[in-house]
């Protein structure tokens, strides 16, 4: 189960496929599993990254409130790590 330490929390992620990078970001409350139906359509043409946001699915739990800006920061930091 791949995880990256991002802004102090472990975020679960998956990378698959080949081609130009494409990151799919799920809305609040849903995990990366929601993208499973789309992955076979995208991975032949793209290197697709999906992940669970903080407090969702297989990622770590935040101890403080969070904002949309924090979610954006998490995404940018995850991409830097990867």
PDB file of N, CA and C in Angstrom:
ATOM      1  N   UNK A   1       0.854  -1.166   0.000  1.00  0.00           N
ATOM      2  CA  UNK A   1       0.000   0.000   0.000  1.00  0.00           C
ATOM      3  C   UNK A   1       0.907   1.238   0.000  1.00  0.00           C
ATOM      4  N   UNK A   2       1.093   1.895  -1.149  1.00  0.00           N
ATOM      5  CA  UNK A   2       1.990   3.047  -1.193  1.00  0.00           C
ATOM      6  C   UNK A   2       1.402   4.271  -0.498  1.00  0.00           C
ATOM      7  N   UNK A   3       2.237   4.888   0.333  1.00  0.00           N
ATOM      8  CA  UNK A   3       1.843   6.126   1.003  1.00  0.00           C
ATOM      9  C   UNK A   3       3.027   7.081   0.956  1.00  0.00           C
ATOM     10  N   UNK A   4       2.721   8.361   0.902  1.00  0.00           N
ATOM     11  CA  UNK A   4       3.748   9.396   0.937  1.00  0.00           C
ATOM     12  C   UNK A   4       3.427  10.328   2.093  1.00  0.00           C
ATOM     13  N   UNK A   5       4.461  10.751   2.819  1.00  0.00           N
ATOM     14  CA  UNK A   5       4.271  11.700   3.905  1.00  0.00           C
ATOM     15  C   UNK A   5       4.127  13.093   3.305  1.00  0.00           C
ATOM     16  N   UNK A   6       2.943  13.665   3.467  1.00  0.00           N
ATOM     17  CA  UNK A   6       2.605  14.953   2.852  1.00  0.00           C
ATOM     18  C   UNK A   6       2.027  15.866   3.922  1.00  0.00           C
ATOM     19  N   UNK A   7       2.674  16.991   4.145  1.00  0.00           N
ATOM     20  CA  UNK A   7       2.206  17.960   5.142  1.00  0.00           C
ATOM     21  C   UNK A   7       1.903  17.295   6.476  1.00  0.00           C
ATOM     22  N   UNK A   8       2.770  16.368   6.860  1.00  0.00           N
ATOM     23  CA  UNK A   8       2.653  15.709   8.157  1.00  0.00           C
ATOM     24  C   UNK A   8       1.705  14.530   8.210  1.00  0.00           C
ATOM     25  N   UNK A   9       1.066  14.177   7.092  1.00  0.00           N
ATOM     26  CA  UNK A   9       0.130  13.049   7.068  1.00  0.00           C
ATOM     27  C   UNK A   9       0.505  12.061   5.968  1.00  0.00           C
ATOM     28  N   UNK A  10       0.313  10.764   6.215  1.00  0.00           N
ATOM     29  CA  UNK A  10       0.529   9.795   5.146  1.00  0.00           C
ATOM     30  C   UNK A  10      -0.672   9.796   4.192  1.00  0.00           C
ATOM     31  N   UNK A  11      -0.410  10.051   2.910  1.00  0.00           N
ATOM     32  CA  UNK A  11      -1.466  10.007   1.903  1.00  0.00           C
ATOM     33  C   UNK A  11      -1.285   8.769   1.041  1.00  0.00           C
ATOM     34  N   UNK A  12      -2.341   7.993   0.921  1.00  0.00           N
ATOM     35  CA  UNK A  12      -2.341   6.821   0.053  1.00  0.00           C
ATOM     36  C   UNK A  12      -2.429   7.288  -1.392  1.00  0.00           C
ATOM     37  N   UNK A  13      -1.666   6.647  -2.282  1.00  0.00           N
ATOM     38  CA  UNK A  13      -1.718   6.999  -3.698  1.00  0.00           C
ATOM     39  C   UNK A  13      -1.481   5.769  -4.566  1.00  0.00           C
ATOM     40  N   UNK A  14      -1.852   5.880  -5.825  1.00  0.00           N
ATOM     41  CA  UNK A  14      -1.573   4.869  -6.836  1.00  0.00           C
ATOM     42  C   UNK A  14      -1.138   5.593  -8.098  1.00  0.00           C
ATOM     43  N   UNK A  15      -0.158   5.041  -8.784  1.00  0.00           N
ATOM     44  CA  UNK A  15       0.289   5.565 -10.076  1.00  0.00           C
ATOM     45  C   UNK A  15       0.280   4.401 -11.048  1.00  0.00           C
ATOM     46  N   UNK A  16      -0.365   4.596 -12.198  1.00  0.00           N
ATOM     47  CA  UNK A  16      -0.399   3.526 -13.196  1.00  0.00           C
ATOM     48  C   UNK A  16      -0.497   4.119 -14.590  1.00  0.00           C
ATOM     49  N   UNK A  17      -0.142   3.304 -15.572  1.00  0.00           N
ATOM     50  CA  UNK A  17      -0.209   3.731 -16.956  1.00  0.00           C
ATOM     51  C   UNK A  17       1.080   4.376 -17.422  1.00  0.00           C
ATOM     52  N   UNK A  18       1.058   4.823 -18.676  1.00  0.00           N
ATOM     53  CA  UNK A  18       2.231   5.496 -19.231  1.00  0.00           C
ATOM     54  C   UNK A  18       1.761   6.594 -20.173  1.00  0.00           C
ATOM     55  N   UNK A  19       2.598   7.608 -20.290  1.00  0.00           N
ATOM     56  CA  UNK A  19       2.268   8.761 -21.119  1.00  0.00           C
ATOM     57  C   UNK A  19       2.345  10.022 -20.300  1.00  0.00           C
ATOM     58  N   UNK A  20       1.738  11.095 -20.780  1.00  0.00           N
ATOM     59  CA  UNK A  20       1.753  12.350 -20.030  1.00  0.00           C
ATOM     60  C   UNK A  20       1.079  12.167 -18.663  1.00  0.00           C
ATOM     61  N   UNK A  21       1.572  12.864 -17.636  1.00  0.00           N
ATOM     62  CA  UNK A  21       0.980  12.713 -16.302  1.00  0.00           C
ATOM     63  C   UNK A  21      -0.418  13.321 -16.208  1.00  0.00           C
ATOM     64  N   UNK A  22      -1.270  12.635 -15.475  1.00  0.00           N
ATOM     65  CA  UNK A  22      -2.635  13.097 -15.228  1.00  0.00           C
ATOM     66  C   UNK A  22      -2.973  12.746 -13.779  1.00  0.00           C
ATOM     67  N   UNK A  23      -3.386  13.729 -13.000  1.00  0.00           N
ATOM     68  CA  UNK A  23      -3.756  13.499 -11.603  1.00  0.00           C
ATOM     69  C   UNK A  23      -5.255  13.685 -11.456  1.00  0.00           C
ATOM     70  N   UNK A  24      -5.910  12.681 -10.895  1.00  0.00           N
ATOM     71  CA  UNK A  24      -7.348  12.741 -10.640  1.00  0.00           C
ATOM     72  C   UNK A  24      -7.561  13.017  -9.161  1.00  0.00           C
ATOM     73  N   UNK A  25      -8.369  14.020  -8.858  1.00  0.00           N
ATOM     74  CA  UNK A  25      -8.619  14.418  -7.475  1.00  0.00           C
ATOM     75  C   UNK A  25     -10.090  14.176  -7.157  1.00  0.00           C
ATOM     76  N   UNK A  26     -10.331  13.290  -6.202  1.00  0.00           N
ATOM     77  CA  UNK A  26     -11.698  12.966  -5.813  1.00  0.00           C
ATOM     78  C   UNK A  26     -12.221  14.033  -4.852  1.00  0.00           C
ATOM     79  N   UNK A  27     -13.505  14.222  -4.855  1.00  0.00           N
ATOM     80  CA  UNK A  27     -14.124  15.175  -3.945  1.00  0.00           C
ATOM     81  C   UNK A  27     -14.056  14.707  -2.505  1.00  0.00           C
ATOM     82  N   UNK A  28     -14.381  15.599  -1.604  1.00  0.00           N
ATOM     83  CA  UNK A  28     -14.319  15.318  -0.174  1.00  0.00           C
ATOM     84  C   UNK A  28     -15.237  14.155   0.190  1.00  0.00           C
ATOM     85  N   UNK A  29     -14.692  13.233   0.943  1.00  0.00           N
ATOM     86  CA  UNK A  29     -15.492  12.130   1.456  1.00  0.00           C
ATOM     87  C   UNK A  29     -15.461  10.869   0.621  1.00  0.00           C
ATOM     88  N   UNK A  30     -14.872  10.907  -0.565  1.00  0.00           N
ATOM     89  CA  UNK A  30     -14.787   9.714  -1.411  1.00  0.00           C
ATOM     90  C   UNK A  30     -13.323   9.351  -1.614  1.00  0.00           C
ATOM     91  N   UNK A  31     -13.045   8.072  -1.710  1.00  0.00           N
ATOM     92  CA  UNK A  31     -11.666   7.619  -1.865  1.00  0.00           C
ATOM     93  C   UNK A  31     -11.297   7.476  -3.340  1.00  0.00           C
ATOM     94  N   UNK A  32     -10.034   7.203  -3.561  1.00  0.00           N
ATOM     95  CA  UNK A  32      -9.530   6.997  -4.921  1.00  0.00           C
ATOM     96  C   UNK A  32     -10.191   5.801  -5.594  1.00  0.00           C
ATOM     97  N   UNK A  33     -10.781   4.915  -4.823  1.00  0.00           N
ATOM     98  CA  UNK A  33     -11.464   3.745  -5.400  1.00  0.00           C
ATOM     99  C   UNK A  33     -12.594   4.158  -6.360  1.00  0.00           C
ATOM    100  N   UNK A  34     -13.098   5.349  -6.170  1.00  0.00           N
ATOM    101  CA  UNK A  34     -14.179   5.820  -7.040  1.00  0.00           C
ATOM    102  C   UNK A  34     -13.724   5.988  -8.489  1.00  0.00           C
ATOM    103  N   UNK A  35     -12.404   6.051  -8.720  1.00  0.00           N
ATOM    104  CA  UNK A  35     -11.869   6.215 -10.076  1.00  0.00           C
ATOM    105  C   UNK A  35     -11.633   4.880 -10.776  1.00  0.00           C
ATOM    106  N   UNK A  36     -11.852   3.744 -10.120  1.00  0.00           N
ATOM    107  CA  UNK A  36     -11.517   2.441 -10.698  1.00  0.00           C
ATOM    108  C   UNK A  36     -12.162   2.209 -12.063  1.00  0.00           C
ATOM    109  N   UNK A  37     -13.369   2.647 -12.259  1.00  0.00           N
ATOM    110  CA  UNK A  37     -14.055   2.425 -13.526  1.00  0.00           C
ATOM    111  C   UNK A  37     -13.393   3.201 -14.671  1.00  0.00           C
ATOM    112  N   UNK A  38     -12.755   4.321 -14.359  1.00  0.00           N
ATOM    113  CA  UNK A  38     -12.169   5.180 -15.379  1.00  0.00           C
ATOM    114  C   UNK A  38     -10.732   4.798 -15.721  1.00  0.00           C
ATOM    115  N   UNK A  39     -10.043   4.171 -14.805  1.00  0.00           N
ATOM    116  CA  UNK A  39      -8.629   3.865 -14.984  1.00  0.00           C
ATOM    117  C   UNK A  39      -8.321   3.085 -16.261  1.00  0.00           C
ATOM    118  N   UNK A  40      -9.057   2.031 -16.606  1.00  0.00           N
ATOM    119  CA  UNK A  40      -8.729   1.295 -17.836  1.00  0.00           C
ATOM    120  C   UNK A  40      -8.842   2.147 -19.102  1.00  0.00           C
ATOM    121  N   UNK A  41      -9.638   3.191 -19.049  1.00  0.00           N
ATOM    122  CA  UNK A  41      -9.782   4.075 -20.205  1.00  0.00           C
ATOM    123  C   UNK A  41      -8.634   5.075 -20.313  1.00  0.00           C
ATOM    124  N   UNK A  42      -8.040   5.434 -19.191  1.00  0.00           N
ATOM    125  CA  UNK A  42      -7.004   6.469 -19.172  1.00  0.00           C
ATOM    126  C   UNK A  42      -5.577   5.935 -19.210  1.00  0.00           C
ATOM    127  N   UNK A  43      -5.328   4.801 -18.564  1.00  0.00           N
ATOM    128  CA  UNK A  43      -3.950   4.335 -18.417  1.00  0.00           C
ATOM    129  C   UNK A  43      -3.249   3.954 -19.723  1.00  0.00           C
ATOM    130  N   UNK A  44      -3.941   3.602 -20.793  1.00  0.00           N
ATOM    131  CA  UNK A  44      -3.197   3.361 -22.036  1.00  0.00           C
ATOM    132  C   UNK A  44      -2.553   4.643 -22.605  1.00  0.00           C
ATOM    133  N   UNK A  45      -3.092   5.796 -22.249  1.00  0.00           N
ATOM    134  CA  UNK A  45      -2.608   7.046 -22.821  1.00  0.00           C
ATOM    135  C   UNK A  45      -1.944   7.982 -21.824  1.00  0.00           C
ATOM    136  N   UNK A  46      -2.148   7.749 -20.523  1.00  0.00           N
ATOM    137  CA  UNK A  46      -1.644   8.659 -19.499  1.00  0.00           C
ATOM    138  C   UNK A  46      -1.010   7.892 -18.345  1.00  0.00           C
ATOM    139  N   UNK A  47      -0.085   8.546 -17.657  1.00  0.00           N
ATOM    140  CA  UNK A  47       0.383   8.056 -16.368  1.00  0.00           C
ATOM    141  C   UNK A  47      -0.532   8.701 -15.334  1.00  0.00           C
ATOM    142  N   UNK A  48      -1.421   7.917 -14.772  1.00  0.00           N
ATOM    143  CA  UNK A  48      -2.495   8.433 -13.916  1.00  0.00           C
ATOM    144  C   UNK A  48      -2.126   8.272 -12.443  1.00  0.00           C
ATOM    145  N   UNK A  49      -2.263   9.363 -11.704  1.00  0.00           N
ATOM    146  CA  UNK A  49      -2.088   9.343 -10.258  1.00  0.00           C
ATOM    147  C   UNK A  49      -3.438   9.607  -9.608  1.00  0.00           C
ATOM    148  N   UNK A  50      -3.813   8.739  -8.681  1.00  0.00           N
ATOM    149  CA  UNK A  50      -5.011   8.942  -7.865  1.00  0.00           C
ATOM    150  C   UNK A  50      -4.581   8.829  -6.405  1.00  0.00           C
ATOM    151  N   UNK A  51      -5.304   9.454  -5.507  1.00  0.00           N
ATOM    152  CA  UNK A  51      -4.938   9.406  -4.094  1.00  0.00           C
ATOM    153  C   UNK A  51      -6.159   9.642  -3.224  1.00  0.00           C
ATOM    154  N   UNK A  52      -6.023   9.246  -1.966  1.00  0.00           N
ATOM    155  CA  UNK A  52      -7.059   9.517  -0.974  1.00  0.00           C
ATOM    156  C   UNK A  52      -6.696  10.813  -0.254  1.00  0.00           C
ATOM    157  N   UNK A  53      -7.608  11.764  -0.236  1.00  0.00           N
ATOM    158  CA  UNK A  53      -7.396  12.997   0.512  1.00  0.00           C
ATOM    159  C   UNK A  53      -7.234  12.687   1.992  1.00  0.00           C
ATOM    160  N   UNK A  54      -6.729  13.638   2.746  1.00  0.00           N
ATOM    161  CA  UNK A  54      -6.632  13.481   4.204  1.00  0.00           C
ATOM    162  C   UNK A  54      -8.021  13.169   4.766  1.00  0.00           C
ATOM    163  N   UNK A  55      -8.069  12.349   5.770  1.00  0.00           N
ATOM    164  CA  UNK A  55      -9.317  11.925   6.432  1.00  0.00           C
ATOM    165  C   UNK A  55     -10.223  11.050   5.570  1.00  0.00           C
ATOM    166  N   UNK A  56      -9.682  10.501   4.498  1.00  0.00           N
ATOM    167  CA  UNK A  56     -10.489   9.665   3.597  1.00  0.00           C
ATOM    168  C   UNK A  56      -9.751   8.363   3.314  1.00  0.00           C
ATOM    169  N   UNK A  57     -10.500   7.295   3.245  1.00  0.00           N
ATOM    170  CA  UNK A  57      -9.961   6.010   2.810  1.00  0.00           C
ATOM    171  C   UNK A  57      -8.726   5.571   3.560  1.00  0.00           C
ATOM    172  N   UNK A  58      -7.646   5.331   2.812  1.00  0.00           N
ATOM    173  CA  UNK A  58      -6.424   4.758   3.368  1.00  0.00           C
ATOM    174  C   UNK A  58      -5.390   5.811   3.771  1.00  0.00           C
ATOM    175  N   UNK A  59      -5.758   7.087   3.720  1.00  0.00           N
ATOM    176  CA  UNK A  59      -4.850   8.161   4.126  1.00  0.00           C
ATOM    177  C   UNK A  59      -4.986   8.460   5.617  1.00  0.00           C
ATOM    178  N   UNK A  60      -4.031   9.255   6.121  1.00  0.00           N
ATOM    179  CA  UNK A  60      -4.012   9.598   7.533  1.00  0.00           C
ATOM    180  C   UNK A  60      -5.135  10.541   7.931  1.00  0.00           C
ATOM    181  N   UNK A  61      -5.351  10.602   9.214  1.00  0.00           N
ATOM    182  CA  UNK A  61      -6.401  11.434   9.790  1.00  0.00           C
ATOM    183  C   UNK A  61      -5.815  12.735  10.318  1.00  0.00           C
ATOM    184  N   UNK A  62      -6.418  13.842   9.950  1.00  0.00           N
ATOM    185  CA  UNK A  62      -5.977  15.155  10.418  1.00  0.00           C
ATOM    186  C   UNK A  62      -6.473  15.376  11.841  1.00  0.00           C
ATOM    187  N   UNK A  63      -5.711  16.132  12.603  1.00  0.00           N
ATOM    188  CA  UNK A  63      -6.115  16.425  13.977  1.00  0.00           C
ATOM    189  C   UNK A  63      -6.727  17.808  14.100  1.00  0.00           C
ATOM    190  N   UNK A  64      -6.693  18.594  13.041  1.00  0.00           N
ATOM    191  CA  UNK A  64      -7.249  19.946  13.054  1.00  0.00           C
ATOM    192  C   UNK A  64      -8.176  20.115  11.856  1.00  0.00           C
ATOM    193  N   UNK A  65      -8.966  21.160  11.876  1.00  0.00           N
ATOM    194  CA  UNK A  65      -9.829  21.450  10.727  1.00  0.00           C
ATOM    195  C   UNK A  65      -8.960  21.732   9.513  1.00  0.00           C
ATOM    196  N   UNK A  66      -9.548  21.580   8.331  1.00  0.00           N
ATOM    197  CA  UNK A  66      -8.799  21.820   7.113  1.00  0.00           C
ATOM    198  C   UNK A  66      -9.645  22.615   6.129  1.00  0.00           C
ATOM    199  N   UNK A  67      -8.959  23.120   5.103  1.00  0.00           N
ATOM    200  CA  UNK A  67      -9.599  24.009   4.134  1.00  0.00           C
ATOM    201  C   UNK A  67      -9.347  23.505   2.721  1.00  0.00           C
ATOM    202  N   UNK A  68     -10.022  24.114   1.790  1.00  0.00           N
ATOM    203  CA  UNK A  68      -9.793  23.804   0.378  1.00  0.00           C
ATOM    204  C   UNK A  68      -8.344  24.106   0.018  1.00  0.00           C
ATOM    205  N   UNK A  69      -7.797  25.176   0.572  1.00  0.00           N
ATOM    206  CA  UNK A  69      -6.394  25.520   0.321  1.00  0.00           C
ATOM    207  C   UNK A  69      -5.472  24.406   0.801  1.00  0.00           C
ATOM    208  N   UNK A  70      -5.808  23.787   1.951  1.00  0.00           N
ATOM    209  CA  UNK A  70      -4.991  22.694   2.461  1.00  0.00           C
ATOM    210  C   UNK A  70      -5.042  21.493   1.524  1.00  0.00           C
ATOM    211  N   UNK A  71      -6.212  21.194   0.975  1.00  0.00           N
ATOM    212  CA  UNK A  71      -6.315  20.099   0.008  1.00  0.00           C
ATOM    213  C   UNK A  71      -5.452  20.375  -1.219  1.00  0.00           C
ATOM    214  N   UNK A  72      -5.459  21.611  -1.695  1.00  0.00           N
ATOM    215  CA  UNK A  72      -4.619  21.985  -2.841  1.00  0.00           C
ATOM    216  C   UNK A  72      -3.146  21.845  -2.485  1.00  0.00           C
ATOM    217  N   UNK A  73      -2.767  22.285  -1.287  1.00  0.00           N
ATOM    218  CA  UNK A  73      -1.386  22.140  -0.832  1.00  0.00           C
ATOM    219  C   UNK A  73      -0.986  20.664  -0.733  1.00  0.00           C
ATOM    220  N   UNK A  74      -1.895  19.835  -0.240  1.00  0.00           N
ATOM    221  CA  UNK A  74      -1.617  18.393  -0.157  1.00  0.00           C
ATOM    222  C   UNK A  74      -1.354  17.812  -1.536  1.00  0.00           C
ATOM    223  N   UNK A  75      -2.179  18.186  -2.508  1.00  0.00           N
ATOM    224  CA  UNK A  75      -2.012  17.669  -3.866  1.00  0.00           C
ATOM    225  C   UNK A  75      -0.675  18.093  -4.443  1.00  0.00           C
ATOM    226  N   UNK A  76      -0.343  19.372  -4.317  1.00  0.00           N
ATOM    227  CA  UNK A  76       0.928  19.874  -4.845  1.00  0.00           C
ATOM    228  C   UNK A  76       2.105  19.189  -4.162  1.00  0.00           C
ATOM    229  N   UNK A  77       2.032  19.023  -2.848  1.00  0.00           N
ATOM    230  CA  UNK A  77       3.127  18.375  -2.112  1.00  0.00           C
ATOM    231  C   UNK A  77       3.264  16.902  -2.497  1.00  0.00           C
ATOM    232  N   UNK A  78       2.142  16.216  -2.693  1.00  0.00           N
ATOM    233  CA  UNK A  78       2.200  14.818  -3.120  1.00  0.00           C
ATOM    234  C   UNK A  78       2.890  14.705  -4.473  1.00  0.00           C
ATOM    235  N   UNK A  79       2.528  15.568  -5.400  1.00  0.00           N
ATOM    236  CA  UNK A  79       3.149  15.519  -6.720  1.00  0.00           C
ATOM    237  C   UNK A  79       4.645  15.818  -6.647  1.00  0.00           C
ATOM    238  N   UNK A  80       5.041  16.695  -5.745  1.00  0.00           N
ATOM    239  CA  UNK A  80       6.476  16.962  -5.560  1.00  0.00           C
ATOM    240  C   UNK A  80       7.197  15.728  -5.039  1.00  0.00           C
ATOM    241  N   UNK A  81       6.586  15.024  -4.091  1.00  0.00           N
ATOM    242  CA  UNK A  81       7.186  13.818  -3.534  1.00  0.00           C
ATOM    243  C   UNK A  81       7.321  12.745  -4.618  1.00  0.00           C
ATOM    244  N   UNK A  82       6.284  12.607  -5.422  1.00  0.00           N
ATOM    245  CA  UNK A  82       6.302  11.565  -6.453  1.00  0.00           C
ATOM    246  C   UNK A  82       7.203  11.941  -7.605  1.00  0.00           C
TER     247      UNK A  82
END
